[in-house]
Protein backbone atom coordinates (compact mmCIF):
# COMPACT_ATOMS: atom_id res chain seq x y z
CA MET A 1 7.07 -19.26 -156.11
CA THR A 2 4.33 -17.60 -158.15
CA ASP A 3 3.58 -13.99 -157.18
CA ILE A 4 -0.18 -13.56 -156.78
CA SER A 5 -0.24 -10.07 -155.32
CA ILE A 6 -3.01 -7.64 -156.23
CA GLU A 7 -0.55 -5.67 -158.34
CA THR A 8 0.48 -8.78 -160.27
CA VAL A 9 -3.13 -9.76 -160.91
CA GLU A 10 -3.89 -6.30 -162.29
CA GLN A 11 -0.82 -6.45 -164.52
CA CYS A 12 -1.91 -9.83 -165.82
CA ARG A 13 -5.40 -8.56 -166.57
CA GLY A 14 -3.94 -5.54 -168.32
CA ARG A 15 -1.96 -7.76 -170.69
CA GLY A 16 -5.18 -9.19 -172.09
CA GLY A 17 -3.53 -12.49 -172.96
CA ASP A 18 -0.33 -11.05 -174.43
CA SER A 19 3.16 -11.93 -173.20
CA ALA A 20 4.77 -9.75 -170.54
CA GLU A 21 7.18 -7.19 -171.98
CA ASP A 22 9.43 -7.31 -168.91
CA ARG A 23 9.60 -11.09 -168.53
CA ASP A 24 12.92 -12.83 -167.90
CA ASP A 25 15.05 -13.15 -171.03
CA SER A 26 15.60 -16.83 -170.27
CA ILE A 27 11.97 -17.56 -171.19
CA ASP A 28 12.60 -16.60 -174.82
CA THR A 29 15.53 -19.01 -174.81
CA VAL A 30 13.44 -21.83 -173.38
CA LEU A 31 10.50 -21.41 -175.76
CA VAL A 32 11.46 -23.04 -179.04
CA SER A 33 9.74 -21.05 -181.76
CA ASP A 34 11.02 -23.40 -184.48
CA THR A 35 8.64 -26.29 -184.97
CA ILE A 36 8.88 -29.16 -187.42
CA GLY A 37 5.83 -29.47 -189.64
CA TYR A 38 4.36 -27.95 -192.78
CA ASN A 39 2.50 -24.75 -191.87
CA GLU A 40 3.50 -25.18 -188.21
CA GLY A 41 5.61 -22.41 -186.77
CA GLU A 42 8.02 -20.53 -189.01
CA PRO A 43 9.73 -22.14 -192.03
CA LEU A 44 12.97 -23.79 -190.95
CA VAL A 45 14.92 -22.78 -194.05
CA GLU A 46 16.59 -19.38 -193.81
CA GLY A 47 15.40 -16.96 -196.47
CA VAL A 48 12.01 -18.64 -196.88
CA THR A 49 9.09 -16.64 -195.53
CA THR A 50 6.20 -19.09 -195.99
CA HIS A 51 5.89 -22.86 -196.27
CA GLN A 52 4.14 -22.40 -199.61
CA GLU A 53 7.53 -21.41 -201.06
CA TYR A 54 8.90 -24.89 -200.39
CA PRO A 55 9.58 -27.04 -203.48
CA SER A 56 6.94 -29.53 -204.53
CA ARG A 57 7.65 -33.24 -204.70
CA SER A 58 8.19 -33.02 -208.46
CA GLU A 59 10.82 -30.30 -207.95
CA LEU A 60 13.01 -32.25 -205.51
CA ALA A 61 15.27 -33.57 -208.27
CA ASP A 62 15.74 -30.12 -209.83
CA PRO A 63 19.42 -29.03 -209.48
CA ARG A 64 18.18 -25.64 -208.26
CA THR A 65 16.66 -27.39 -205.23
CA ALA A 66 20.01 -28.77 -204.02
CA ASP A 67 21.00 -25.71 -202.00
CA PHE A 68 17.56 -25.52 -200.41
CA LEU A 69 17.78 -29.16 -199.30
CA ARG A 70 21.25 -28.66 -197.81
CA ARG A 71 19.96 -25.75 -195.76
CA LEU A 72 16.94 -27.74 -194.62
CA PHE A 73 19.01 -30.80 -193.66
CA SER A 74 21.44 -28.53 -191.79
CA HIS A 75 18.78 -27.17 -189.43
CA ASP A 76 19.36 -28.42 -185.92
CA LEU A 77 15.79 -29.68 -185.57
CA ILE A 78 16.08 -31.91 -188.64
CA GLY A 79 17.61 -35.23 -187.65
CA SER A 80 16.28 -37.55 -190.34
CA ILE A 81 14.73 -37.74 -193.78
CA GLU A 82 11.39 -38.26 -192.03
CA ASP A 83 11.82 -34.98 -190.12
CA ALA A 84 12.62 -33.17 -193.37
CA THR A 85 9.59 -34.74 -195.05
CA ARG A 86 7.26 -33.59 -192.24
CA GLU A 87 8.59 -30.07 -192.75
CA LEU A 88 8.16 -30.19 -196.53
CA THR A 89 4.65 -31.58 -196.79
CA GLY A 90 1.37 -31.73 -194.93
CA VAL A 91 0.37 -35.15 -196.30
CA ARG A 92 -1.15 -37.41 -193.69
CA ASP A 93 -1.65 -40.83 -195.29
CA GLU A 94 1.21 -43.25 -194.72
CA SER A 95 1.58 -44.36 -198.34
CA THR A 96 2.02 -40.85 -199.75
CA PHE A 97 4.31 -39.89 -196.89
CA ARG A 98 6.58 -42.87 -197.62
CA ASP A 99 6.63 -41.88 -201.31
CA TRP A 100 7.84 -38.43 -200.25
CA VAL A 101 10.54 -39.99 -198.07
CA SER A 102 11.74 -42.18 -200.94
CA ASP A 103 11.84 -39.27 -203.38
CA LEU A 104 13.64 -37.07 -200.88
CA GLU A 105 16.25 -39.76 -200.22
CA ALA A 106 16.77 -40.21 -203.96
CA SER A 107 17.06 -36.45 -204.48
CA ALA A 108 19.65 -36.10 -201.71
CA GLU A 109 21.71 -38.85 -203.33
CA LEU A 110 21.28 -37.27 -206.76
CA HIS A 111 22.52 -33.91 -205.46
CA GLY A 112 25.45 -35.51 -203.65
CA ILE A 113 24.25 -34.42 -200.19
CA ASP A 114 25.78 -36.26 -197.23
CA THR A 115 22.69 -36.40 -195.04
CA ASP A 116 24.35 -38.44 -192.27
CA SER A 117 26.86 -35.68 -191.51
CA LEU A 118 24.20 -32.94 -191.68
CA PHE A 119 21.84 -34.82 -189.35
CA GLU A 120 24.61 -35.62 -186.88
CA ASP A 121 24.33 -32.45 -184.79
CA SER A 122 20.54 -32.24 -184.67
CA ARG A 123 18.74 -31.61 -181.40
CA GLU A 124 15.39 -32.80 -180.16
CA GLU A 125 12.54 -30.48 -179.28
CA PRO A 126 12.24 -30.30 -175.48
CA ASP A 127 9.28 -32.11 -173.97
CA THR A 128 6.47 -30.35 -172.12
CA LYS A 129 7.77 -31.14 -168.63
CA GLU A 130 11.20 -29.78 -169.49
CA VAL A 131 9.86 -26.52 -170.94
CA VAL A 132 7.42 -25.90 -168.07
CA SER A 133 10.06 -26.66 -165.43
CA GLU A 134 12.59 -24.32 -167.02
CA VAL A 135 10.05 -21.50 -167.34
CA LEU A 136 8.91 -21.83 -163.72
CA GLY A 137 12.40 -22.39 -162.34
CA TYR A 138 11.68 -25.66 -160.54
CA GLU A 139 10.96 -29.23 -161.54
CA VAL A 140 7.27 -29.78 -162.12
CA GLY A 141 5.76 -33.16 -161.27
CA GLU A 142 3.84 -35.16 -163.87
CA GLY A 143 0.64 -34.61 -161.92
CA MET A 144 0.88 -30.86 -162.50
CA LEU A 145 1.05 -31.13 -166.29
CA ASP A 146 -2.69 -31.43 -166.79
CA SER A 147 -3.64 -28.74 -169.31
CA ASN A 148 -6.90 -28.25 -167.37
CA ASN A 149 -5.00 -27.36 -164.21
CA PRO A 150 -5.70 -23.65 -163.55
CA LEU A 151 -2.75 -23.46 -161.15
CA LEU A 152 -0.33 -24.47 -163.89
CA LEU A 153 -1.82 -22.12 -166.46
CA SER A 154 -1.85 -19.29 -163.92
CA ALA A 155 1.79 -19.85 -163.02
CA LEU A 156 2.86 -19.80 -166.67
CA TYR A 157 0.83 -16.67 -167.38
CA VAL A 158 2.18 -14.86 -164.32
CA GLU A 159 5.72 -15.75 -165.44
CA GLY A 160 5.02 -13.84 -168.64
CA LEU A 161 3.86 -16.35 -171.23
CA SER A 162 1.08 -15.31 -173.58
CA VAL A 163 -2.13 -17.28 -174.06
CA ASP A 164 -0.83 -18.43 -177.46
CA GLU A 165 2.47 -19.62 -175.97
CA ILE A 166 0.76 -21.50 -173.15
CA ALA A 167 -1.56 -23.18 -175.65
CA GLU A 168 1.42 -24.24 -177.76
CA VAL A 169 3.49 -25.52 -174.83
CA LEU A 170 0.61 -27.54 -173.33
CA GLU A 171 -0.90 -28.48 -176.71
CA VAL A 172 -4.34 -27.18 -175.80
CA GLY A 173 -6.77 -24.77 -177.43
CA GLN A 174 -6.37 -21.04 -176.88
CA THR A 175 -10.02 -20.72 -175.86
CA ASP A 176 -9.47 -23.31 -173.13
CA VAL A 177 -6.47 -21.37 -171.82
CA ARG A 178 -8.41 -18.10 -171.81
CA ASP A 179 -11.33 -19.71 -169.99
CA ARG A 180 -9.06 -21.12 -167.28
CA LEU A 181 -7.35 -17.76 -166.77
CA LYS A 182 -10.70 -15.97 -166.66
CA SER A 183 -11.99 -18.45 -164.11
CA VAL A 184 -9.20 -17.49 -161.68
CA GLY A 185 -9.40 -13.76 -162.42
CA LEU A 186 -6.15 -13.32 -164.37
CA LEU A 187 -8.07 -12.30 -167.48
CA ARG A 188 -11.13 -10.09 -167.65
CA GLY A 189 -14.38 -11.25 -169.15
CA LYS A 190 -16.74 -14.19 -168.97
CA THR A 191 -15.73 -17.74 -169.78
CA THR A 192 -17.40 -19.54 -172.67
CA SER A 193 -19.72 -21.41 -170.29
CA GLU A 194 -20.61 -18.19 -168.46
CA GLN A 195 -21.47 -16.51 -171.75
CA THR A 196 -23.67 -19.46 -172.70
CA GLU A 197 -25.39 -19.42 -169.30
CA ALA A 198 -25.99 -15.68 -169.53
CA PHE A 199 -27.49 -16.24 -172.95
CA ARG A 200 -29.86 -18.84 -171.53
CA GLU A 201 -30.83 -16.67 -168.57
CA ASN A 202 -31.73 -13.90 -170.97
CA LYS A 203 -34.74 -16.04 -171.93
CA GLY A 204 -32.76 -17.61 -174.74
CA ARG A 205 -32.78 -14.50 -176.87
CA THR A 206 -30.01 -12.14 -177.85
CA SER A 207 -29.92 -9.35 -180.40
CA TYR A 208 -27.28 -9.31 -183.11
CA SER A 209 -28.71 -6.27 -184.85
CA SER A 210 -31.65 -3.95 -184.60
CA SER A 211 -33.66 -6.26 -186.83
CA SER A 212 -32.57 -9.78 -185.90
CA THR A 213 -32.62 -12.01 -182.82
CA VAL A 214 -31.75 -15.60 -182.07
CA ASP A 215 -34.19 -17.76 -180.13
CA LEU A 216 -32.25 -20.38 -178.13
CA GLY A 217 -35.34 -22.47 -177.52
CA ALA A 218 -36.01 -22.76 -181.22
CA VAL A 219 -32.39 -23.66 -181.87
CA GLU A 220 -32.40 -26.40 -179.22
CA ASP A 221 -35.52 -27.93 -180.76
CA ASN A 222 -33.74 -28.25 -184.10
CA ASP A 223 -31.05 -30.95 -184.09
CA GLY A 224 -29.73 -29.69 -187.40
CA VAL A 225 -28.75 -26.28 -186.04
CA GLU A 226 -25.50 -25.70 -184.19
CA LEU A 227 -25.23 -22.72 -181.88
CA VAL A 228 -21.87 -20.96 -182.01
CA THR A 229 -21.00 -18.30 -179.45
CA ARG A 230 -18.15 -15.82 -179.90
């Protein structure tokens, strides 16, 4: 059961959105930091610090790329050529993606890599319900998995997850998570809507410097201007 004592609330506010330093070690085990996808999470190949270091499509047949591909195919999140392709490139159109898959298959064959045996022991990334249930210590019903549910976000934050981790687990924006936690008092500060309302109540004017102001009324009358609050 989630602890919502005054002391816990103050501790949560003091974290400012960061993870709890004294959270249960099992949470780090549950949260899978490795994520398949170019520029998503950390690179899956040991020894590579950024995705930009990955070989280009034209370099796949280079003999010097063979060891890299073996290490990539050996990662326990990579269970197919398609998985490996998603890690290697950020292309989105189907035609180019299939070209990558074909070239990667040909390169693996050229380098004599037995992909079937390397993919054999791969694991799947846990789904949202599984991760949330393991973090909270009890099975969560499907109806609770709404990312707009402040009770769910509060429970995860109290358990020690950071705003960033909650956003990743629930696949929702960090600003949305912060707003929900602010709305229930687990984070200090005004929500985005409260900031906007305060701006309006201040006669639509706010100072950004000693010599400049923004007039909300004038902005609203101009459809070509978008108001961005920070």
